[in-house]
Amino acid sequence: MNGDWLLRGPDGRLCVYLPSGDAVQCRAELGPGGPWEAPRRVGGEQRLHPGVSLGQGVDGYTHLVAWRPTARGESGLVHSTHFRPRLAPLDWEPLGHPDQKGDRTGTPAVAVDAQGRAHVFVRNAGGGLSMRAQKQKGGWGPWRDLKGRALHGTCVAVAGRDGRIEAYVAAPGELLYWRQEQPGTKFTLVEKVAAAARPDTLRALDTSAERTTLFFTDDSGTLCAWRPGGDPVPVVAAAGPGPLAAVRCAIDGHDCTLFAQRAASGRVAFAAYPSEEETAGAWWTESGPQLPADAEVALALDEAGRVTAAAQSPATARLWLARRKEEPGLALAAWQSV
């Protein structure tokens, strides 16, 4: 999964997206706070390759992108939109291939601008970054080569609060950053910075009205933060090797960035610090049951603005959730299997 897979829809209900063999399934709350409906297949009966990427716009609509097999040794990207958690997502529509044809070139990333247009980023066969975006009046624009070389790992994309889309990706010994100068304009490779980032640990988040922050784990196992225009700074040792979840939330009246990650112990670890104040430091606290080795963690805010944590295991098809208690601090209620 690339991107947030626990999301709040425009009706306030939470929805999760789960890999399931050659498909993606979604589950939604029947009402804010639960209970949850049974899993439903996304996008019809079309077979997919493992892995799906997700992005959500300010309208609450979720955009999903995945690879599907098209011919022997070849694949193409497909896109679906999910307007509301209790509605069925649209059928998958083809997006083509960044190199016209060929096999999978990398995990895509999705971000949605203030006008609701999805932007899909993926590495191309030449090792650079390609992008295709929805048009304002429907349909899709052409694939565009944004350049770059020797890119590896998973690209991440994020919509800043000023409406611009930004993308980050790793290359050997460095991180690269693309952005639009104005919403709806072309993308420019703005900056590179020296960093020994583990390729598939990138996570981007809008941390203020003006800036986004890239979080990544470096080769020493340290979770670092980078905002373009500065240098990466360490935050805390990573809790474990799994993907990082992050959300911006209010804790006791303070604007904070909250992390969650499957710890080496198998439980979910949480750490928080004042947004963009990395020098304040952060400390992990573990919670919940011991999870399977393939478990991934996600964070979201529910209809009441409460932090909600989820963990899912593709191998066991199990889903666990916990919500923040109505008390000071970051105490969570007991985890529940749903």
Protein backbone atom coordinates (compact mmCIF):
# COMPACT_ATOMS: atom_id res chain seq x y z
CA MET A 1 0.00 0.00 0.00
CA ASN A 2 1.35 3.44 -0.94
CA GLY A 3 -0.43 6.36 0.71
CA ASP A 4 -2.97 6.50 3.51
CA TRP A 5 -5.25 3.43 3.45
CA LEU A 6 -7.39 4.49 6.44
CA LEU A 7 -9.38 7.52 5.26
CA ARG A 8 -12.37 9.58 6.38
CA GLY A 9 -14.96 10.09 3.67
CA PRO A 10 -17.02 13.24 3.05
CA ASP A 11 -19.86 11.74 5.13
CA GLY A 12 -17.60 11.38 8.18
CA ARG A 13 -17.35 7.59 7.96
CA LEU A 14 -13.96 5.93 8.05
CA CYS A 15 -13.01 3.56 5.24
CA VAL A 16 -10.11 1.13 4.87
CA TYR A 17 -8.59 -0.28 1.69
CA LEU A 18 -7.05 -3.74 1.93
CA PRO A 19 -5.04 -5.86 -0.53
CA SER A 20 -6.65 -9.21 -1.29
CA GLY A 21 -4.88 -11.46 -3.77
CA ASP A 22 -5.39 -10.00 -7.26
CA ALA A 23 -7.85 -7.37 -6.00
CA VAL A 24 -8.35 -4.52 -3.55
CA GLN A 25 -11.15 -4.57 -1.01
CA CYS A 26 -12.73 -1.71 0.91
CA ARG A 27 -14.59 -1.67 4.21
CA ALA A 28 -16.52 1.26 5.66
CA GLU A 29 -18.19 2.15 8.92
CA LEU A 30 -21.95 1.70 8.78
CA GLY A 31 -22.10 4.88 10.85
CA PRO A 32 -19.52 7.16 12.44
CA GLY A 33 -17.87 5.14 15.21
CA GLY A 34 -18.80 1.76 13.71
CA PRO A 35 -19.82 -1.05 13.31
CA TRP A 36 -18.15 -1.98 10.01
CA GLU A 37 -19.57 -3.48 6.84
CA ALA A 38 -18.23 -6.63 5.21
CA PRO A 39 -15.37 -6.23 2.67
CA ARG A 40 -16.28 -5.26 -0.91
CA ARG A 41 -14.15 -5.62 -4.03
CA VAL A 42 -13.00 -2.34 -5.63
CA GLY A 43 -13.48 -1.61 -9.32
CA GLY A 44 -15.19 -4.72 -10.62
CA GLU A 45 -13.68 -8.09 -11.53
CA GLN A 46 -10.50 -6.83 -13.20
CA ARG A 47 -7.37 -8.67 -11.99
CA LEU A 48 -4.60 -6.54 -10.48
CA HIS A 49 -0.98 -7.00 -9.60
CA PRO A 50 -0.27 -6.82 -5.86
CA GLY A 51 -0.09 -3.32 -4.42
CA VAL A 52 -2.31 -0.26 -4.68
CA SER A 53 -1.66 3.46 -4.26
CA LEU A 54 -4.13 5.92 -2.77
CA GLY A 55 -4.65 9.66 -2.57
CA GLN A 56 -7.49 11.78 -1.23
CA GLY A 57 -8.61 15.28 -2.18
CA VAL A 58 -10.09 18.01 -0.02
CA ASP A 59 -13.49 16.89 -1.35
CA GLY A 60 -13.00 13.58 0.46
CA TYR A 61 -12.93 11.53 -2.74
CA THR A 62 -10.38 8.70 -2.77
CA HIS A 63 -8.34 7.94 -5.89
CA LEU A 64 -6.80 4.49 -6.31
CA VAL A 65 -4.13 3.45 -8.82
CA ALA A 66 -2.71 -0.02 -9.44
CA TRP A 67 -0.95 -2.09 -12.10
CA ARG A 68 -2.87 -4.73 -14.04
CA PRO A 69 -1.55 -7.42 -16.42
CA THR A 70 -2.29 -6.54 -20.06
CA ALA A 71 -0.28 -9.08 -22.07
CA ARG A 72 2.45 -11.61 -21.44
CA GLY A 73 5.27 -9.70 -19.73
CA GLU A 74 3.40 -6.38 -19.96
CA SER A 75 1.30 -4.30 -17.59
CA GLY A 76 -0.62 -1.04 -17.51
CA LEU A 77 -1.82 1.31 -14.82
CA VAL A 78 -5.50 1.67 -13.91
CA HIS A 79 -7.41 4.24 -11.85
CA SER A 80 -10.62 4.21 -9.81
CA THR A 81 -12.45 6.85 -7.79
CA HIS A 82 -14.38 6.20 -4.59
CA PHE A 83 -16.72 9.10 -3.84
CA ARG A 84 -18.25 7.98 -0.54
CA PRO A 85 -17.43 5.05 1.77
CA ARG A 86 -20.90 3.46 1.49
CA LEU A 87 -21.01 3.75 -2.32
CA ALA A 88 -19.30 1.33 -4.69
CA PRO A 89 -16.05 2.65 -6.21
CA LEU A 90 -16.01 3.25 -9.97
CA ASP A 91 -14.73 0.56 -12.30
CA TRP A 92 -11.01 0.62 -13.07
CA GLU A 93 -10.13 2.80 -16.09
CA PRO A 94 -6.86 2.38 -18.01
CA LEU A 95 -4.08 4.96 -17.63
CA GLY A 96 -1.58 3.27 -19.93
CA HIS A 97 2.14 2.97 -19.33
CA PRO A 98 4.73 5.76 -18.82
CA ASP A 99 6.85 4.15 -21.59
CA GLN A 100 3.85 3.36 -23.85
CA LYS A 101 4.26 -0.35 -23.08
CA GLY A 102 6.30 -2.74 -20.96
CA ASP A 103 6.15 -4.34 -17.57
CA ARG A 104 5.78 -2.66 -14.19
CA THR A 105 8.37 0.05 -13.60
CA GLY A 106 7.72 0.89 -9.96
CA THR A 107 5.06 1.57 -7.36
CA PRO A 108 2.91 4.59 -8.34
CA ALA A 109 2.05 7.51 -6.06
CA VAL A 110 -1.18 9.55 -6.13
CA ALA A 111 -1.90 13.10 -4.96
CA VAL A 112 -5.03 15.20 -5.57
CA ASP A 113 -4.97 18.97 -6.03
CA ALA A 114 -7.47 21.52 -4.68
CA GLN A 115 -9.59 21.19 -7.85
CA GLY A 116 -9.96 17.43 -7.33
CA ARG A 117 -7.56 16.43 -10.12
CA ALA A 118 -5.57 13.25 -9.46
CA HIS A 119 -1.85 13.28 -10.30
CA VAL A 120 -0.15 9.91 -10.78
CA PHE A 121 3.63 9.57 -10.47
CA VAL A 122 5.70 6.49 -11.27
CA ARG A 123 9.27 5.66 -12.16
CA ASN A 124 9.82 4.95 -15.85
CA ALA A 125 12.07 2.37 -17.51
CA GLY A 126 14.83 4.97 -17.91
CA GLY A 127 15.08 5.46 -14.15
CA GLY A 128 13.41 8.88 -14.17
CA LEU A 129 10.02 10.04 -12.92
CA SER A 130 6.89 10.24 -15.08
CA MET A 131 3.54 11.89 -14.29
CA ARG A 132 0.03 11.93 -15.71
CA ALA A 133 -2.77 14.18 -14.41
CA GLN A 134 -6.52 14.48 -14.81
CA LYS A 135 -7.83 17.43 -16.81
CA GLN A 136 -10.15 19.93 -15.21
CA LYS A 137 -13.01 19.10 -17.58
CA GLY A 138 -12.54 15.35 -17.61
CA GLY A 139 -10.14 12.87 -19.14
CA TRP A 140 -6.40 12.69 -18.65
CA GLY A 141 -3.48 14.65 -20.01
CA PRO A 142 -0.46 12.94 -21.59
CA TRP A 143 2.31 11.18 -19.72
CA ARG A 144 5.11 13.66 -18.97
CA ASP A 145 8.74 12.78 -18.29
CA LEU A 146 9.88 14.82 -15.28
CA LYS A 147 13.50 13.62 -15.68
CA GLY A 148 15.76 12.35 -12.91
CA ARG A 149 18.00 9.29 -13.11
CA ALA A 150 18.73 6.10 -11.16
CA LEU A 151 15.63 6.61 -9.02
CA HIS A 152 14.73 3.67 -6.82
CA GLY A 153 12.16 2.67 -4.24
CA THR A 154 8.69 4.10 -3.92
CA CYS A 155 7.86 7.67 -4.90
CA VAL A 156 5.58 9.66 -2.58
CA ALA A 157 3.38 12.60 -3.53
CA VAL A 158 1.47 15.07 -1.39
CA ALA A 159 -0.83 18.05 -1.89
CA GLY A 160 0.32 21.05 0.12
CA ARG A 161 -2.22 23.30 1.80
CA ASP A 162 -1.47 25.99 -0.79
CA GLY A 163 -2.86 23.69 -3.49
CA ARG A 164 0.43 22.67 -5.13
CA ILE A 165 1.36 19.04 -5.68
CA GLU A 166 4.83 17.92 -4.55
CA ALA A 167 6.70 14.66 -5.13
CA TYR A 168 9.69 13.06 -3.45
CA VAL A 169 11.78 10.08 -4.48
CA ALA A 170 15.13 8.56 -3.50
CA ALA A 171 18.22 7.89 -5.61
CA PRO A 172 21.57 6.47 -4.46
CA GLY A 173 22.92 8.86 -1.83
CA GLU A 174 20.28 11.57 -2.36
CA LEU A 175 16.66 12.64 -2.22
CA LEU A 176 14.94 14.53 -5.06
CA TYR A 177 12.03 16.96 -4.82
CA TRP A 178 9.62 18.12 -7.55
CA ARG A 179 6.83 20.68 -7.19
CA GLN A 180 4.52 22.93 -9.13
CA GLU A 181 5.33 26.64 -8.97
CA GLN A 182 1.59 27.34 -8.97
CA PRO A 183 -1.40 24.98 -8.69
CA GLY A 184 -2.19 23.39 -12.03
CA THR A 185 1.17 24.23 -13.64
CA LYS A 186 4.01 22.00 -14.82
CA PHE A 187 6.40 20.24 -12.44
CA THR A 188 10.01 21.24 -11.87
CA LEU A 189 12.82 19.33 -10.22
CA VAL A 190 13.52 21.94 -7.56
CA GLU A 191 16.05 20.43 -5.21
CA LYS A 192 18.33 17.52 -4.38
CA VAL A 193 19.87 16.80 -1.01
CA ALA A 194 22.47 14.28 0.13
CA ALA A 195 20.81 11.55 2.21
CA ALA A 196 21.27 7.80 2.68
CA ALA A 197 17.55 7.01 2.67
CA ARG A 198 16.25 3.48 2.68
CA PRO A 199 14.29 3.48 -0.60
CA ASP A 200 10.86 2.27 0.55
CA THR A 201 10.58 4.26 3.79
CA LEU A 202 9.51 7.66 2.43
CA ARG A 203 6.39 9.35 3.85
CA ALA A 204 5.33 12.93 3.03
CA LEU A 205 2.95 15.10 5.05
CA ASP A 206 1.77 18.70 4.93
CA THR A 207 3.04 20.01 8.29
CA SER A 208 2.09 23.69 7.95
CA ALA A 209 0.16 25.97 5.61
CA GLU A 210 3.37 26.71 3.70
CA ARG A 211 5.42 23.52 3.77
CA THR A 212 5.45 19.78 3.50
CA THR A 213 7.88 17.48 5.28
CA LEU A 214 9.41 14.26 4.03
CA PHE A 215 10.05 11.58 6.63
CA PHE A 216 12.39 8.68 5.89
CA THR A 217 14.58 6.11 7.61
CA ASP A 218 18.28 6.40 6.87
CA ASP A 219 20.82 3.59 6.63
CA SER A 220 21.56 3.83 10.36
CA GLY A 221 17.91 3.16 11.24
CA THR A 222 17.15 6.74 12.25
CA LEU A 223 13.85 8.35 11.33
CA CYS A 224 14.69 11.71 9.73
CA ALA A 225 12.73 14.74 8.54
CA TRP A 226 13.52 16.93 5.54
CA ARG A 227 11.91 20.15 4.38
CA PRO A 228 13.29 21.50 1.11
CA GLY A 229 15.50 24.52 1.65
CA GLY A 230 17.23 22.88 4.61
CA ASP A 231 19.06 19.69 5.51
CA PRO A 232 17.59 16.42 6.80
CA VAL A 233 17.51 16.24 10.59
CA PRO A 234 17.14 13.21 12.87
CA VAL A 235 13.95 12.82 14.88
CA VAL A 236 14.08 9.43 16.62
CA ALA A 237 15.32 5.90 15.99
CA ALA A 238 12.79 4.02 13.87
CA ALA A 239 10.61 1.69 15.94
CA GLY A 240 10.90 -1.10 13.39
CA PRO A 241 11.49 -1.87 9.71
CA GLY A 242 7.90 -1.48 8.54
CA PRO A 243 6.21 1.45 6.76
CA LEU A 244 5.66 4.63 8.74
CA ALA A 245 2.22 6.19 9.26
CA ALA A 246 1.92 9.88 10.12
CA VAL A 247 -0.85 12.38 10.77
CA ARG A 248 -1.03 15.97 11.91
CA CYS A 249 -3.31 16.40 14.91
CA ALA A 250 -3.96 18.46 18.04
CA ILE A 251 -2.71 16.98 21.32
CA ASP A 252 -3.66 18.96 24.42
CA GLY A 253 -4.04 22.07 22.29
CA HIS A 254 -0.69 21.72 20.52
CA ASP A 255 -0.21 21.20 16.75
CA CYS A 256 1.65 17.87 16.62
CA THR A 257 2.89 15.32 14.13
CA LEU A 258 2.07 11.78 15.25
CA PHE A 259 3.90 8.69 14.01
CA ALA A 260 2.86 5.04 14.17
CA GLN A 261 4.91 2.05 13.10
CA ARG A 262 4.99 -1.69 13.74
CA ALA A 263 7.78 -2.04 16.28
CA ALA A 264 10.43 -4.75 16.37
CA SER A 265 8.39 -6.34 19.18
CA GLY A 266 5.41 -6.73 16.83
CA ARG A 267 3.22 -4.19 18.64
CA VAL A 268 2.28 -0.74 17.32
CA ALA A 269 4.55 2.07 18.52
CA PHE A 270 3.50 5.73 18.67
CA ALA A 271 5.60 8.89 18.91
CA ALA A 272 4.63 12.57 18.65
CA TYR A 273 6.34 15.95 18.66
CA PRO A 274 5.34 19.59 17.92
CA SER A 275 5.01 19.91 14.14
CA GLU A 276 8.23 21.11 12.46
CA GLU A 277 10.05 21.29 15.81
CA GLU A 278 12.29 18.26 15.43
CA THR A 279 14.70 19.51 18.11
CA ALA A 280 11.98 18.83 20.70
CA GLY A 281 12.57 15.12 20.19
CA ALA A 282 10.13 12.21 20.22
CA TRP A 283 9.78 8.96 22.15
CA TRP A 284 8.03 5.72 21.22
CA THR A 285 5.25 4.15 23.31
CA GLU A 286 3.96 0.70 22.35
CA SER A 287 0.29 -0.29 22.30
CA GLY A 288 -2.01 -3.13 21.40
CA PRO A 289 -1.48 -6.81 20.59
CA GLN A 290 1.50 -8.38 18.85
CA LEU A 291 0.82 -8.23 15.11
CA PRO A 292 1.89 -10.52 12.24
CA ALA A 293 5.16 -9.68 10.50
CA ASP A 294 3.36 -8.36 7.39
CA ALA A 295 1.12 -5.96 9.34
CA GLU A 296 0.94 -2.32 8.25
CA VAL A 297 -0.27 0.60 10.33
CA ALA A 298 -2.37 3.65 9.39
CA LEU A 299 -3.57 6.81 11.14
CA ALA A 300 -6.53 9.12 10.53
CA LEU A 301 -8.81 11.54 12.32
CA ASP A 302 -12.43 10.44 12.70
CA GLU A 303 -15.54 12.60 12.40
CA ALA A 304 -14.99 13.97 15.92
CA GLY A 305 -11.32 14.73 15.20
CA ARG A 306 -10.12 11.83 17.36
CA VAL A 307 -6.95 10.01 16.34
CA THR A 308 -7.82 6.56 15.03
CA ALA A 309 -5.18 3.89 14.45
CA ALA A 310 -5.60 0.81 12.27
CA ALA A 311 -3.46 -2.21 11.54
CA GLN A 312 -4.06 -4.77 8.83
CA SER A 313 -2.40 -8.05 7.87
CA PRO A 314 -2.80 -9.15 4.23
CA ALA A 315 -1.76 -12.73 5.09
CA THR A 316 -4.48 -13.18 7.71
CA ALA A 317 -7.03 -10.68 6.28
CA ARG A 318 -7.46 -9.24 9.77
CA LEU A 319 -8.09 -5.62 10.70
CA TRP A 320 -7.59 -4.01 14.12
CA LEU A 321 -8.62 -0.51 15.23
CA ALA A 322 -8.17 1.72 18.26
CA ARG A 323 -9.37 5.27 18.98
CA ARG A 324 -7.94 7.94 21.24
CA LYS A 325 -9.67 8.25 24.60
CA GLU A 326 -11.49 11.42 25.61
CA GLU A 327 -8.79 12.46 28.09
CA PRO A 328 -5.53 14.46 28.10
CA GLY A 329 -2.50 12.96 26.38
CA LEU A 330 -2.56 10.30 23.70
CA ALA A 331 -4.06 7.31 25.49
CA LEU A 332 -5.84 4.86 23.20
CA ALA A 333 -8.83 2.70 24.01
CA ALA A 334 -8.37 -1.05 23.71
CA TRP A 335 -7.62 -2.38 20.23
CA GLN A 336 -10.49 -4.27 18.61
CA SER A 337 -10.59 -6.76 15.76
CA VAL A 338 -13.27 -5.75 13.23
